[in-house]
Amino acid sequence: MRTGELDPWWYAGVLLVRPLFGLVFRLRVRGLEHVPTSGGAILAFNHVSALDGPALAVIVAARVRRPVRFLVASGFFGRRAIGWILRRFDQIPIRRGAGDTDALERAVEAVRGGGLVAIAPEGRVNDDGAPALQRIRRGAARIASRTRAPLVPVGIWGTQSRWPRSGPRWGRPWRPRLAVVVGPPLLATGGQDEASIEDLTARLAEHLDQLVARARTLAGG
């Protein structure tokens, strides 16, 4: 698969998973035009559910026609079925809380090669029902600072109605709204020093907060 192109596995995944999301959720998407149709970029999304990554991957693949490489907690790669899927779709394992420089290097390499990389800068799924963002970590800003690629913030709300941090959940409403709101890209304006990275991280946090608020309104939550 050449960078930026959907291979047969991605086409099959979209054909299989997209209808499932349509059955489970009423989808609302705004701002998808901010996702570059070519070239390296980083998607930074808030994390309210284990379904955030699959939802974002399917939306971008189906509507922008681009594959996305996510930084995924390394523990998931050790699970037989999930690990096989993650490796088949060339996702990037990251050791959470360990300052995993190898994972960031792979992400930087992918972006420099023209790929689309996604990361949840909160680091883990938020607590059930928590409206506020967790602390935004610096990994997304570090990748953007090193690659000078656009950092695209994404607010998600609604996935947690079916799979919050505490585990899968079923009940009314039977088809809750899932809102995904994409904001304008942020650019690294400074160098790779800690002050510049902290500034970009703060800007990302501010934009994510606004996008999550918009997504909550769209989702009716």
C-alpha atoms as a PDB file:
ATOM      1  CA  MET A   1       0.000   0.000   0.000  1.00  0.00           C
ATOM      2  CA  ARG A   2       1.398   3.377  -0.960  1.00  0.00           C
ATOM      3  CA  THR A   3       1.117   6.071   1.676  1.00  0.00           C
ATOM      4  CA  GLY A   4      -2.282   7.738   1.606  1.00  0.00           C
ATOM      5  CA  GLU A   5      -4.048   5.023  -0.364  1.00  0.00           C
ATOM      6  CA  LEU A   6      -6.622   2.521   0.866  1.00  0.00           C
ATOM      7  CA  ASP A   7      -5.550  -1.069   0.336  1.00  0.00           C
ATOM      8  CA  PRO A   8      -7.980  -4.017   0.035  1.00  0.00           C
ATOM      9  CA  TRP A   9      -7.943  -4.547   3.809  1.00  0.00           C
ATOM     10  CA  TRP A  10      -9.067  -0.968   4.392  1.00  0.00           C
ATOM     11  CA  TYR A  11     -11.777  -1.240   1.738  1.00  0.00           C
ATOM     12  CA  ALA A  12     -13.032  -4.456   3.335  1.00  0.00           C
ATOM     13  CA  GLY A  13     -12.895  -2.894   6.799  1.00  0.00           C
ATOM     14  CA  VAL A  14     -14.946   0.106   5.698  1.00  0.00           C
ATOM     15  CA  LEU A  15     -17.520  -2.111   3.969  1.00  0.00           C
ATOM     16  CA  LEU A  16     -17.873  -4.240   7.103  1.00  0.00           C
ATOM     17  CA  VAL A  17     -17.647  -1.702   9.943  1.00  0.00           C
ATOM     18  CA  ARG A  18     -19.348   1.371   8.464  1.00  0.00           C
ATOM     19  CA  PRO A  19     -22.822  -0.242   8.334  1.00  0.00           C
ATOM     20  CA  LEU A  20     -22.379  -1.442  11.931  1.00  0.00           C
ATOM     21  CA  PHE A  21     -21.755   2.087  13.141  1.00  0.00           C
ATOM     22  CA  GLY A  22     -24.806   3.172  11.160  1.00  0.00           C
ATOM     23  CA  LEU A  23     -26.914   0.602  12.976  1.00  0.00           C
ATOM     24  CA  VAL A  24     -25.627   1.551  16.424  1.00  0.00           C
ATOM     25  CA  PHE A  25     -25.312   5.344  16.086  1.00  0.00           C
ATOM     26  CA  ARG A  26     -26.900   8.312  14.349  1.00  0.00           C
ATOM     27  CA  LEU A  27     -23.765   9.944  13.012  1.00  0.00           C
ATOM     28  CA  ARG A  28     -23.158  13.708  12.871  1.00  0.00           C
ATOM     29  CA  VAL A  29     -19.890  14.874  11.269  1.00  0.00           C
ATOM     30  CA  ARG A  30     -18.722  18.461  10.875  1.00  0.00           C
ATOM     31  CA  GLY A  31     -15.500  20.002   9.549  1.00  0.00           C
ATOM     32  CA  LEU A  32     -14.161  16.970   7.726  1.00  0.00           C
ATOM     33  CA  GLU A  33     -12.821  19.283   5.044  1.00  0.00           C
ATOM     34  CA  HIS A  34     -10.037  20.165   7.501  1.00  0.00           C
ATOM     35  CA  VAL A  35      -8.524  16.689   7.135  1.00  0.00           C
ATOM     36  CA  PRO A  36      -5.878  16.959   4.378  1.00  0.00           C
ATOM     37  CA  THR A  37      -6.581  14.789   1.364  1.00  0.00           C
ATOM     38  CA  SER A  38      -2.853  14.203   0.856  1.00  0.00           C
ATOM     39  CA  GLY A  39       0.434  14.704   2.658  1.00  0.00           C
ATOM     40  CA  GLY A  40       1.488  14.080   6.225  1.00  0.00           C
ATOM     41  CA  ALA A  41      -0.761  15.230   9.080  1.00  0.00           C
ATOM     42  CA  ILE A  42      -1.625  14.403  12.679  1.00  0.00           C
ATOM     43  CA  LEU A  43      -5.159  13.933  13.996  1.00  0.00           C
ATOM     44  CA  ALA A  44      -5.451  14.622  17.741  1.00  0.00           C
ATOM     45  CA  PHE A  45      -8.751  13.507  19.294  1.00  0.00           C
ATOM     46  CA  ASN A  46     -10.271  13.457  22.767  1.00  0.00           C
ATOM     47  CA  HIS A  47     -10.811  10.020  24.259  1.00  0.00           C
ATOM     48  CA  VAL A  48     -14.183   9.069  25.763  1.00  0.00           C
ATOM     49  CA  SER A  49     -14.496   5.476  24.522  1.00  0.00           C
ATOM     50  CA  ALA A  50     -12.689   2.468  23.110  1.00  0.00           C
ATOM     51  CA  LEU A  51     -14.779   3.105  19.993  1.00  0.00           C
ATOM     52  CA  ASP A  52     -13.233   6.517  19.260  1.00  0.00           C
ATOM     53  CA  GLY A  53     -10.390   5.153  17.131  1.00  0.00           C
ATOM     54  CA  PRO A  54     -12.503   2.763  15.029  1.00  0.00           C
ATOM     55  CA  ALA A  55     -15.153   5.463  14.491  1.00  0.00           C
ATOM     56  CA  LEU A  56     -12.598   8.045  13.371  1.00  0.00           C
ATOM     57  CA  ALA A  57     -10.780   5.515  11.182  1.00  0.00           C
ATOM     58  CA  VAL A  58     -13.961   4.488   9.375  1.00  0.00           C
ATOM     59  CA  ILE A  59     -15.149   8.076   8.874  1.00  0.00           C
ATOM     60  CA  VAL A  60     -11.816   9.252   7.429  1.00  0.00           C
ATOM     61  CA  ALA A  61     -11.358   6.156   5.265  1.00  0.00           C
ATOM     62  CA  ALA A  62     -14.917   6.290   3.893  1.00  0.00           C
ATOM     63  CA  ARG A  63     -15.174  10.029   3.306  1.00  0.00           C
ATOM     64  CA  VAL A  64     -11.588  11.259   2.798  1.00  0.00           C
ATOM     65  CA  ARG A  65     -10.358   7.970   1.286  1.00  0.00           C
ATOM     66  CA  ARG A  66      -7.254   7.856   3.465  1.00  0.00           C
ATOM     67  CA  PRO A  67      -5.981   5.198   5.886  1.00  0.00           C
ATOM     68  CA  VAL A  68      -5.068   6.310   9.400  1.00  0.00           C
ATOM     69  CA  ARG A  69      -2.312   4.921  11.608  1.00  0.00           C
ATOM     70  CA  PHE A  70      -3.215   5.224  15.291  1.00  0.00           C
ATOM     71  CA  LEU A  71      -0.896   5.119  18.264  1.00  0.00           C
ATOM     72  CA  VAL A  72      -2.524   2.323  20.271  1.00  0.00           C
ATOM     73  CA  ALA A  73      -1.675   1.081  23.778  1.00  0.00           C
ATOM     74  CA  SER A  74       0.781  -1.779  23.325  1.00  0.00           C
ATOM     75  CA  GLY A  75      -1.228  -4.122  25.563  1.00  0.00           C
ATOM     76  CA  PHE A  76      -3.901  -4.460  22.883  1.00  0.00           C
ATOM     77  CA  PHE A  77      -1.359  -5.992  20.496  1.00  0.00           C
ATOM     78  CA  GLY A  78      -1.053  -8.959  22.839  1.00  0.00           C
ATOM     79  CA  ARG A  79      -4.725  -9.892  22.426  1.00  0.00           C
ATOM     80  CA  ARG A  80      -5.149 -12.521  19.749  1.00  0.00           C
ATOM     81  CA  ALA A  81      -7.969 -11.105  17.590  1.00  0.00           C
ATOM     82  CA  ILE A  82      -7.476  -7.413  18.302  1.00  0.00           C
ATOM     83  CA  GLY A  83      -3.702  -7.680  17.947  1.00  0.00           C
ATOM     84  CA  TRP A  84      -4.050  -9.396  14.570  1.00  0.00           C
ATOM     85  CA  ILE A  85      -6.332  -6.604  13.318  1.00  0.00           C
ATOM     86  CA  LEU A  86      -4.010  -3.866  14.609  1.00  0.00           C
ATOM     87  CA  ARG A  87      -0.975  -5.415  12.949  1.00  0.00           C
ATOM     88  CA  ARG A  88      -2.865  -6.065   9.701  1.00  0.00           C
ATOM     89  CA  PHE A  89      -3.818  -2.386   9.543  1.00  0.00           C
ATOM     90  CA  ASP A  90      -0.267  -1.301  10.451  1.00  0.00           C
ATOM     91  CA  GLN A  91      -1.125   0.520  13.676  1.00  0.00           C
ATOM     92  CA  ILE A  92       1.616   1.786  16.001  1.00  0.00           C
ATOM     93  CA  PRO A  93       2.011   0.320  19.520  1.00  0.00           C
ATOM     94  CA  ILE A  94       2.861   2.754  22.302  1.00  0.00           C
ATOM     95  CA  ARG A  95       3.717   2.039  25.933  1.00  0.00           C
ATOM     96  CA  ARG A  96       1.523   4.457  27.847  1.00  0.00           C
ATOM     97  CA  GLY A  97       3.189   6.467  30.604  1.00  0.00           C
ATOM     98  CA  ALA A  98       6.637   5.190  29.638  1.00  0.00           C
ATOM     99  CA  GLY A  99       7.862   8.023  27.408  1.00  0.00           C
ATOM    100  CA  ASP A 100       7.902   5.669  24.432  1.00  0.00           C
ATOM    101  CA  THR A 101      10.347   7.366  22.069  1.00  0.00           C
ATOM    102  CA  ASP A 102      10.281   4.415  19.643  1.00  0.00           C
ATOM    103  CA  ALA A 103       6.552   4.887  19.053  1.00  0.00           C
ATOM    104  CA  LEU A 104       6.979   8.628  18.517  1.00  0.00           C
ATOM    105  CA  GLU A 105       9.831   7.947  16.077  1.00  0.00           C
ATOM    106  CA  ARG A 106       7.587   5.609  14.075  1.00  0.00           C
ATOM    107  CA  ALA A 107       4.849   8.231  14.070  1.00  0.00           C
ATOM    108  CA  VAL A 108       7.271  10.931  12.917  1.00  0.00           C
ATOM    109  CA  GLU A 109       8.536   8.640  10.154  1.00  0.00           C
ATOM    110  CA  ALA A 110       4.979   7.905   9.016  1.00  0.00           C
ATOM    111  CA  VAL A 111       4.035  11.593   8.890  1.00  0.00           C
ATOM    112  CA  ARG A 112       7.231  12.540   7.067  1.00  0.00           C
ATOM    113  CA  GLY A 113       6.397   9.807   4.564  1.00  0.00           C
ATOM    114  CA  GLY A 114       3.089  11.517   3.806  1.00  0.00           C
ATOM    115  CA  GLY A 115       0.866   9.449   6.097  1.00  0.00           C
ATOM    116  CA  LEU A 116      -2.007  10.343   8.366  1.00  0.00           C
ATOM    117  CA  VAL A 117      -1.324   9.548  12.023  1.00  0.00           C
ATOM    118  CA  ALA A 118      -3.854   9.810  14.880  1.00  0.00           C
ATOM    119  CA  ILE A 119      -3.210  10.123  18.596  1.00  0.00           C
ATOM    120  CA  ALA A 120      -5.337  10.633  21.704  1.00  0.00           C
ATOM    121  CA  PRO A 121      -3.212  13.132  23.663  1.00  0.00           C
ATOM    122  CA  GLU A 122      -5.142  12.489  26.896  1.00  0.00           C
ATOM    123  CA  GLY A 123      -3.385   9.132  26.990  1.00  0.00           C
ATOM    124  CA  ARG A 124      -6.315   7.001  28.145  1.00  0.00           C
ATOM    125  CA  VAL A 125     -10.103   6.806  27.962  1.00  0.00           C
ATOM    126  CA  ASN A 126     -11.749   9.424  30.182  1.00  0.00           C
ATOM    127  CA  ASP A 127     -13.849   8.447  33.186  1.00  0.00           C
ATOM    128  CA  ASP A 128     -17.519   7.651  32.544  1.00  0.00           C
ATOM    129  CA  GLY A 129     -19.512  10.826  31.954  1.00  0.00           C
ATOM    130  CA  ALA A 130     -16.596  13.197  32.627  1.00  0.00           C
ATOM    131  CA  PRO A 131     -17.250  16.392  30.612  1.00  0.00           C
ATOM    132  CA  ALA A 132     -13.793  17.935  31.068  1.00  0.00           C
ATOM    133  CA  LEU A 133     -10.682  16.925  29.179  1.00  0.00           C
ATOM    134  CA  GLN A 134      -7.894  15.166  31.004  1.00  0.00           C
ATOM    135  CA  ARG A 135      -4.391  16.620  30.918  1.00  0.00           C
ATOM    136  CA  ILE A 136      -3.233  16.941  27.325  1.00  0.00           C
ATOM    137  CA  ARG A 137       0.156  15.296  26.917  1.00  0.00           C
ATOM    138  CA  ARG A 138       2.880  16.607  24.631  1.00  0.00           C
ATOM    139  CA  GLY A 139       3.276  13.719  22.189  1.00  0.00           C
ATOM    140  CA  ALA A 140       1.072  15.177  19.449  1.00  0.00           C
ATOM    141  CA  ALA A 141       2.850  18.531  19.650  1.00  0.00           C
ATOM    142  CA  ARG A 142       6.256  16.830  19.534  1.00  0.00           C
ATOM    143  CA  ILE A 143       5.320  14.999  16.336  1.00  0.00           C
ATOM    144  CA  ALA A 144       3.995  18.217  14.776  1.00  0.00           C
ATOM    145  CA  SER A 145       7.067  20.201  15.842  1.00  0.00           C
ATOM    146  CA  ARG A 146       9.452  17.687  14.322  1.00  0.00           C
ATOM    147  CA  THR A 147       7.552  17.171  11.073  1.00  0.00           C
ATOM    148  CA  ARG A 148       6.049  20.671  10.630  1.00  0.00           C
ATOM    149  CA  ALA A 149       2.905  18.857   9.539  1.00  0.00           C
ATOM    150  CA  PRO A 150      -0.575  20.204  10.348  1.00  0.00           C
ATOM    151  CA  LEU A 151      -2.008  19.137  13.705  1.00  0.00           C
ATOM    152  CA  VAL A 152      -5.746  18.631  13.243  1.00  0.00           C
ATOM    153  CA  PRO A 153      -7.870  18.632  16.444  1.00  0.00           C
ATOM    154  CA  VAL A 154     -10.958  16.397  16.563  1.00  0.00           C
ATOM    155  CA  GLY A 155     -13.760  16.480  19.130  1.00  0.00           C
ATOM    156  CA  ILE A 156     -15.770  13.276  19.647  1.00  0.00           C
ATOM    157  CA  TRP A 157     -18.886  12.723  21.760  1.00  0.00           C
ATOM    158  CA  GLY A 158     -21.373   9.875  21.903  1.00  0.00           C
ATOM    159  CA  THR A 159     -19.232   6.747  21.601  1.00  0.00           C
ATOM    160  CA  GLN A 160     -19.222   6.496  25.397  1.00  0.00           C
ATOM    161  CA  SER A 161     -22.977   5.902  25.355  1.00  0.00           C
ATOM    162  CA  ARG A 162     -22.187   2.407  24.055  1.00  0.00           C
ATOM    163  CA  TRP A 163     -18.672   1.757  25.382  1.00  0.00           C
ATOM    164  CA  PRO A 164     -17.505   4.010  28.234  1.00  0.00           C
ATOM    165  CA  ARG A 165     -14.368   3.369  30.256  1.00  0.00           C
ATOM    166  CA  SER A 166     -16.273   0.967  32.519  1.00  0.00           C
ATOM    167  CA  GLY A 167     -17.164  -1.345  29.612  1.00  0.00           C
ATOM    168  CA  PRO A 168     -19.824  -2.034  26.950  1.00  0.00           C
ATOM    169  CA  ARG A 169     -23.293  -0.723  27.689  1.00  0.00           C
ATOM    170  CA  TRP A 170     -26.669  -1.329  26.055  1.00  0.00           C
ATOM    171  CA  GLY A 171     -30.004   0.350  26.574  1.00  0.00           C
ATOM    172  CA  ARG A 172     -31.970   3.411  25.599  1.00  0.00           C
ATOM    173  CA  PRO A 173     -31.623   5.369  23.425  1.00  0.00           C
ATOM    174  CA  TRP A 174     -31.225   2.510  20.982  1.00  0.00           C
ATOM    175  CA  ARG A 175     -29.431   4.651  18.367  1.00  0.00           C
ATOM    176  CA  PRO A 176     -27.708   7.484  20.249  1.00  0.00           C
ATOM    177  CA  ARG A 177     -26.096  10.310  18.354  1.00  0.00           C
ATOM    178  CA  LEU A 178     -22.362  10.173  17.694  1.00  0.00           C
ATOM    179  CA  ALA A 179     -20.836  13.545  16.847  1.00  0.00           C
ATOM    180  CA  VAL A 180     -17.395  14.113  15.344  1.00  0.00           C
ATOM    181  CA  VAL A 181     -16.249  17.710  14.874  1.00  0.00           C
ATOM    182  CA  VAL A 182     -12.960  18.463  13.113  1.00  0.00           C
ATOM    183  CA  GLY A 183     -11.272  21.819  13.621  1.00  0.00           C
ATOM    184  CA  PRO A 184      -8.878  23.856  11.483  1.00  0.00           C
ATOM    185  CA  PRO A 185      -5.279  22.608  11.507  1.00  0.00           C
ATOM    186  CA  LEU A 186      -2.790  24.014  13.988  1.00  0.00           C
ATOM    187  CA  LEU A 187       0.775  24.659  12.885  1.00  0.00           C
ATOM    188  CA  ALA A 188       3.965  24.527  14.916  1.00  0.00           C
ATOM    189  CA  THR A 189       5.260  28.097  14.875  1.00  0.00           C
ATOM    190  CA  GLY A 190       8.268  27.642  17.142  1.00  0.00           C
ATOM    191  CA  GLY A 191      11.139  25.202  17.349  1.00  0.00           C
ATOM    192  CA  GLN A 192      11.482  21.864  19.097  1.00  0.00           C
ATOM    193  CA  ASP A 193      12.310  23.344  22.479  1.00  0.00           C
ATOM    194  CA  GLU A 194      10.075  22.569  25.448  1.00  0.00           C
ATOM    195  CA  ALA A 195       8.583  26.073  25.571  1.00  0.00           C
ATOM    196  CA  SER A 196       7.437  25.844  21.936  1.00  0.00           C
ATOM    197  CA  ILE A 197       6.054  22.348  22.435  1.00  0.00           C
ATOM    198  CA  GLU A 198       4.213  23.458  25.567  1.00  0.00           C
ATOM    199  CA  ASP A 199       2.713  26.405  23.668  1.00  0.00           C
ATOM    200  CA  LEU A 200       1.439  24.135  20.870  1.00  0.00           C
ATOM    201  CA  THR A 201       0.070  21.688  23.445  1.00  0.00           C
ATOM    202  CA  ALA A 202      -1.804  24.514  25.166  1.00  0.00           C
ATOM    203  CA  ARG A 203      -3.293  25.636  21.841  1.00  0.00           C
ATOM    204  CA  LEU A 204      -4.321  22.061  21.091  1.00  0.00           C
ATOM    205  CA  ALA A 205      -5.994  21.740  24.496  1.00  0.00           C
ATOM    206  CA  GLU A 206      -7.933  24.970  23.955  1.00  0.00           C
ATOM    207  CA  HIS A 207      -9.189  23.899  20.523  1.00  0.00           C
ATOM    208  CA  LEU A 208     -10.044  20.388  21.682  1.00  0.00           C
ATOM    209  CA  ASP A 209     -12.077  21.805  24.530  1.00  0.00           C
ATOM    210  CA  GLN A 210     -14.102  23.927  22.096  1.00  0.00           C
ATOM    211  CA  LEU A 211     -14.589  21.058  19.633  1.00  0.00           C
ATOM    212  CA  VAL A 212     -15.735  18.649  22.335  1.00  0.00           C
ATOM    213  CA  ALA A 213     -18.276  21.231  23.476  1.00  0.00           C
ATOM    214  CA  ARG A 214     -19.601  21.483  19.904  1.00  0.00           C
ATOM    215  CA  ALA A 215     -19.687  17.699  19.584  1.00  0.00           C
ATOM    216  CA  ARG A 216     -21.628  17.414  22.848  1.00  0.00           C
ATOM    217  CA  THR A 217     -24.200  19.888  21.519  1.00  0.00           C
ATOM    218  CA  LEU A 218     -24.548  17.962  18.246  1.00  0.00           C
ATOM    219  CA  ALA A 219     -24.885  14.683  20.104  1.00  0.00           C
ATOM    220  CA  GLY A 220     -27.474  16.133  22.421  1.00  0.00           C
ATOM    221  CA  GLY A 221     -25.391  15.448  25.488  1.00  0.00           C
END
